[in-house]
Amino acid sequence: MRGAVYHYDKDQDYGYINGTDGKRYIFALNDLSQDVALVRGTLVDFQPDDGTAHNIAAASTTPPPGTGQPPRSGRLAGQSSTGLWAYFGRTVSVNYFNFNGRARRKEFWAFWLCLNLVLVVLLGFGILVNLAISGFGINADRTSIGFLPAAIFIFVFGLPWIALTVRRLHDVGLSGWFVLLCFTPAFGAVALLVLGLVQSQVGENQWGPVPAGVRF
């Protein structure tokens, strides 16, 4: 399989290769079949084996049949953007019902940041609508109809938030059922904060490979 070196830690003797299948494979120095420059973006050919790369060699100038042309930059074709809004967009679209796999810290915080920014805008809009309907008088009848869009927004994006939290738990090596702690009145906020700070588990675990972009 064709891939590109993503990261290599000389002190710990492990690294990652992003394969053209969109998956990440872990390797050690003894998995190299010849000298390869272990620099990020270096194109290599390797033999995949259950999340591990073996027989790693420098990629030939001619791509293997069926793989197409190699990418011209360090990012492999098909590798998703790791921008904040890109993470938010994927969380509320393709990953809306996704309770499998892993989610890195940046993805977790990107969702919360973007969610709260949109929510602040909707709440501000709601206040203006309520004032426009009720007027600015002290004795005017008050209405909360302007907050309806914000309420719908929170309801609609509740499920992807739960799914993201489950994937974040997977990323640190915990069962997704621990998401129930986030609904505990006295402990929920602390649990979310800790979950957002804990580093990704090194290497592939039972929920999948290390998410793209993670550095140790």
Protein backbone atom coordinates (compact mmCIF):
# COMPACT_ATOMS: atom_id res chain seq x y z
CA MET A 1 0.00 0.00 0.00
CA ARG A 2 1.11 3.57 -0.66
CA GLY A 3 1.24 6.03 2.22
CA ALA A 4 3.09 8.95 3.74
CA VAL A 5 5.05 9.23 6.97
CA TYR A 6 3.03 11.28 9.43
CA HIS A 7 5.16 11.19 12.57
CA TYR A 8 8.12 9.34 14.05
CA ASP A 9 9.41 9.56 17.62
CA LYS A 10 13.03 8.46 17.69
CA ASP A 11 13.22 8.29 21.50
CA GLN A 12 10.14 6.07 21.85
CA ASP A 13 10.74 4.24 18.53
CA TYR A 14 7.25 4.44 17.10
CA GLY A 15 5.60 6.41 14.35
CA TYR A 16 2.56 6.65 12.10
CA ILE A 17 1.92 6.35 8.39
CA ASN A 18 -1.20 7.73 6.75
CA GLY A 19 -2.33 5.15 4.18
CA THR A 20 -4.13 5.96 0.95
CA ASP A 21 -7.14 4.10 2.40
CA GLY A 22 -7.61 6.93 4.89
CA LYS A 23 -6.39 4.87 7.86
CA ARG A 24 -3.36 5.45 10.06
CA TYR A 25 -0.80 2.69 10.69
CA ILE A 26 1.72 2.47 13.51
CA PHE A 27 5.28 1.28 12.91
CA ALA A 28 8.66 0.90 14.58
CA LEU A 29 12.19 1.17 13.18
CA ASN A 30 12.49 -2.58 12.67
CA ASP A 31 9.51 -2.46 10.29
CA LEU A 32 11.66 -0.71 7.68
CA SER A 33 12.95 -2.95 4.90
CA GLN A 34 15.35 -0.26 3.68
CA ASP A 35 16.57 3.18 4.67
CA VAL A 36 13.68 5.65 4.57
CA ALA A 37 13.76 9.32 5.51
CA LEU A 38 11.34 9.38 8.43
CA VAL A 39 10.27 12.94 7.72
CA ARG A 40 6.64 13.99 7.66
CA GLY A 41 5.21 13.70 4.16
CA THR A 42 7.75 11.15 2.86
CA LEU A 43 5.99 8.77 0.48
CA VAL A 44 6.44 5.07 1.28
CA ASP A 45 5.15 1.67 0.26
CA PHE A 46 4.29 -0.76 3.06
CA GLN A 47 2.41 -3.90 3.94
CA PRO A 48 -0.61 -3.20 6.22
CA ASP A 49 -1.37 -5.68 8.99
CA ASP A 50 -4.21 -4.92 11.42
CA GLY A 51 -3.28 -1.27 11.99
CA THR A 52 0.47 -1.89 11.78
CA ALA A 53 2.80 -1.14 8.85
CA HIS A 54 5.49 -3.67 7.90
CA ASN A 55 8.14 -3.91 5.16
CA ILE A 56 8.26 -0.15 4.76
CA ALA A 57 10.25 1.09 1.77
CA ALA A 58 10.66 4.37 -0.03
CA ALA A 59 7.92 4.79 -2.62
CA SER A 60 8.87 4.32 -6.26
CA THR A 61 8.49 7.28 -8.57
CA THR A 62 5.79 5.39 -10.47
CA PRO A 63 2.67 4.84 -8.35
CA PRO A 64 1.36 1.27 -8.03
CA PRO A 65 -1.47 0.31 -10.43
CA GLY A 66 -4.84 1.63 -9.37
CA THR A 67 -3.50 4.08 -6.79
CA GLY A 68 -3.39 7.12 -9.06
CA GLN A 69 -0.83 9.88 -8.75
CA PRO A 70 0.68 10.52 -5.32
CA PRO A 71 -0.32 13.73 -3.58
CA ARG A 72 1.87 16.75 -4.18
CA SER A 73 1.86 17.87 -0.59
CA GLY A 74 2.33 16.22 2.79
CA ARG A 75 -1.42 15.70 3.14
CA LEU A 76 -2.70 12.53 1.51
CA ALA A 77 -5.63 12.59 -0.82
CA GLY A 78 -8.83 12.00 1.12
CA GLN A 79 -7.39 13.24 4.42
CA SER A 80 -9.93 15.60 5.97
CA SER A 81 -9.27 19.15 7.04
CA THR A 82 -8.50 19.65 10.74
CA GLY A 83 -9.77 23.24 10.99
CA LEU A 84 -12.18 24.22 13.77
CA TRP A 85 -15.21 24.83 11.54
CA ALA A 86 -14.35 21.75 9.47
CA TYR A 87 -14.50 19.61 12.62
CA PHE A 88 -17.79 21.23 13.63
CA GLY A 89 -19.26 20.66 10.18
CA ARG A 90 -18.34 16.98 10.15
CA THR A 91 -19.64 16.48 13.68
CA VAL A 92 -23.09 17.79 12.77
CA SER A 93 -23.23 16.11 9.34
CA VAL A 94 -21.38 12.88 8.52
CA ASN A 95 -20.75 12.09 12.21
CA TYR A 96 -24.22 13.06 13.44
CA PHE A 97 -25.08 9.46 14.45
CA ASN A 98 -21.50 8.20 14.64
CA PHE A 99 -20.80 6.56 18.00
CA ASN A 100 -17.83 4.58 16.65
CA GLY A 101 -14.19 5.51 16.29
CA ARG A 102 -12.18 8.17 18.10
CA ALA A 103 -12.19 11.97 18.39
CA ARG A 104 -9.12 14.02 19.31
CA ARG A 105 -9.10 16.94 21.76
CA LYS A 106 -9.12 19.55 19.00
CA GLU A 107 -12.27 18.06 17.50
CA PHE A 108 -13.91 18.09 20.93
CA TRP A 109 -13.07 21.73 21.69
CA ALA A 110 -13.80 22.85 18.12
CA PHE A 111 -17.35 21.59 18.46
CA TRP A 112 -17.87 23.34 21.80
CA LEU A 113 -16.38 26.62 20.59
CA CYS A 114 -18.41 26.74 17.37
CA LEU A 115 -21.55 25.55 19.15
CA ASN A 116 -21.35 28.34 21.71
CA LEU A 117 -20.56 31.00 19.10
CA VAL A 118 -23.66 30.05 17.11
CA LEU A 119 -25.72 29.85 20.30
CA VAL A 120 -24.64 33.36 21.38
CA VAL A 121 -25.71 34.71 17.97
CA LEU A 122 -29.09 32.98 18.22
CA LEU A 123 -29.66 34.24 21.77
CA GLY A 124 -28.80 37.79 20.70
CA PHE A 125 -31.21 37.45 17.78
CA GLY A 126 -33.86 36.14 20.17
CA ILE A 127 -33.47 39.10 22.50
CA LEU A 128 -33.91 41.53 19.59
CA VAL A 129 -37.00 39.68 18.37
CA ASN A 130 -38.54 39.67 21.84
CA LEU A 131 -37.90 43.39 22.24
CA ALA A 132 -39.36 44.08 18.81
CA ILE A 133 -42.53 42.17 19.71
CA SER A 134 -42.93 43.34 23.31
CA GLY A 135 -41.56 46.83 22.99
CA PHE A 136 -39.12 48.57 25.29
CA GLY A 137 -41.62 49.74 27.90
CA ILE A 138 -41.22 48.66 31.52
CA ASN A 139 -44.82 47.50 31.77
CA ALA A 140 -44.90 45.86 28.34
CA ASP A 141 -45.96 42.23 28.09
CA ARG A 142 -42.92 40.03 27.75
CA THR A 143 -42.53 37.17 25.27
CA SER A 144 -39.92 34.46 24.80
CA ILE A 145 -40.83 33.50 21.24
CA GLY A 146 -37.52 34.91 20.00
CA PHE A 147 -35.62 32.21 21.88
CA LEU A 148 -37.34 29.43 19.89
CA PRO A 149 -34.54 29.15 17.27
CA ALA A 150 -31.94 28.79 20.05
CA ALA A 151 -34.04 26.10 21.75
CA ILE A 152 -34.41 24.18 18.49
CA PHE A 153 -30.67 24.52 17.86
CA ILE A 154 -29.82 23.01 21.26
CA PHE A 155 -32.30 20.18 20.74
CA VAL A 156 -31.07 19.32 17.24
CA PHE A 157 -27.37 19.39 18.16
CA GLY A 158 -27.74 17.42 21.38
CA LEU A 159 -27.33 14.04 19.68
CA PRO A 160 -24.09 14.86 17.79
CA TRP A 161 -22.70 16.25 21.06
CA ILE A 162 -23.36 12.90 22.77
CA ALA A 163 -21.84 11.02 19.81
CA LEU A 164 -18.75 13.25 19.89
CA THR A 165 -18.34 12.74 23.64
CA VAL A 166 -18.54 8.96 23.17
CA ARG A 167 -15.81 9.12 20.50
CA ARG A 168 -13.67 11.31 22.77
CA LEU A 169 -14.02 8.69 25.51
CA HIS A 170 -12.92 6.05 23.02
CA ASP A 171 -9.89 8.19 22.16
CA VAL A 172 -8.65 8.11 25.76
CA GLY A 173 -9.35 4.37 26.05
CA LEU A 174 -12.65 4.45 27.94
CA SER A 175 -16.04 2.95 27.21
CA GLY A 176 -18.62 5.27 25.70
CA TRP A 177 -20.99 4.46 28.57
CA PHE A 178 -18.99 6.89 30.72
CA VAL A 179 -20.86 9.63 28.83
CA LEU A 180 -23.58 9.17 31.46
CA LEU A 181 -21.27 10.92 33.94
CA CYS A 182 -21.63 14.09 31.89
CA PHE A 183 -25.33 14.19 32.82
CA THR A 184 -24.61 14.04 36.55
CA PRO A 185 -25.64 17.44 38.02
CA ALA A 186 -22.67 17.87 40.37
CA PHE A 187 -20.03 16.12 38.27
CA GLY A 188 -21.01 16.67 34.64
CA ALA A 189 -19.14 19.94 34.01
CA VAL A 190 -15.97 18.62 35.66
CA ALA A 191 -16.18 15.38 33.65
CA LEU A 192 -16.44 17.33 30.38
CA LEU A 193 -13.50 19.55 31.30
CA VAL A 194 -11.28 16.59 32.21
CA LEU A 195 -12.34 14.75 29.07
CA GLY A 196 -11.33 17.73 26.97
CA LEU A 197 -7.87 17.87 28.55
CA VAL A 198 -6.83 14.21 28.59
CA GLN A 199 -4.38 13.28 25.84
CA SER A 200 -5.23 10.71 23.17
CA GLN A 201 -4.24 7.13 23.93
CA VAL A 202 -0.98 6.24 22.17
CA GLY A 203 -1.36 3.78 19.34
CA GLU A 204 -4.39 1.97 18.01
CA ASN A 205 -6.97 0.77 20.53
CA GLN A 206 -10.14 -1.31 20.21
CA TRP A 207 -12.03 1.68 18.78
CA GLY A 208 -9.59 2.45 15.99
CA PRO A 209 -6.30 4.17 15.08
CA VAL A 210 -5.09 7.47 16.47
CA PRO A 211 -7.10 10.36 14.94
CA ALA A 212 -5.43 12.37 12.21
CA GLY A 213 -3.39 15.34 13.44
CA VAL A 214 -2.57 13.99 16.93
CA ARG A 215 0.97 14.59 18.14
CA PHE A 216 2.53 13.01 21.21
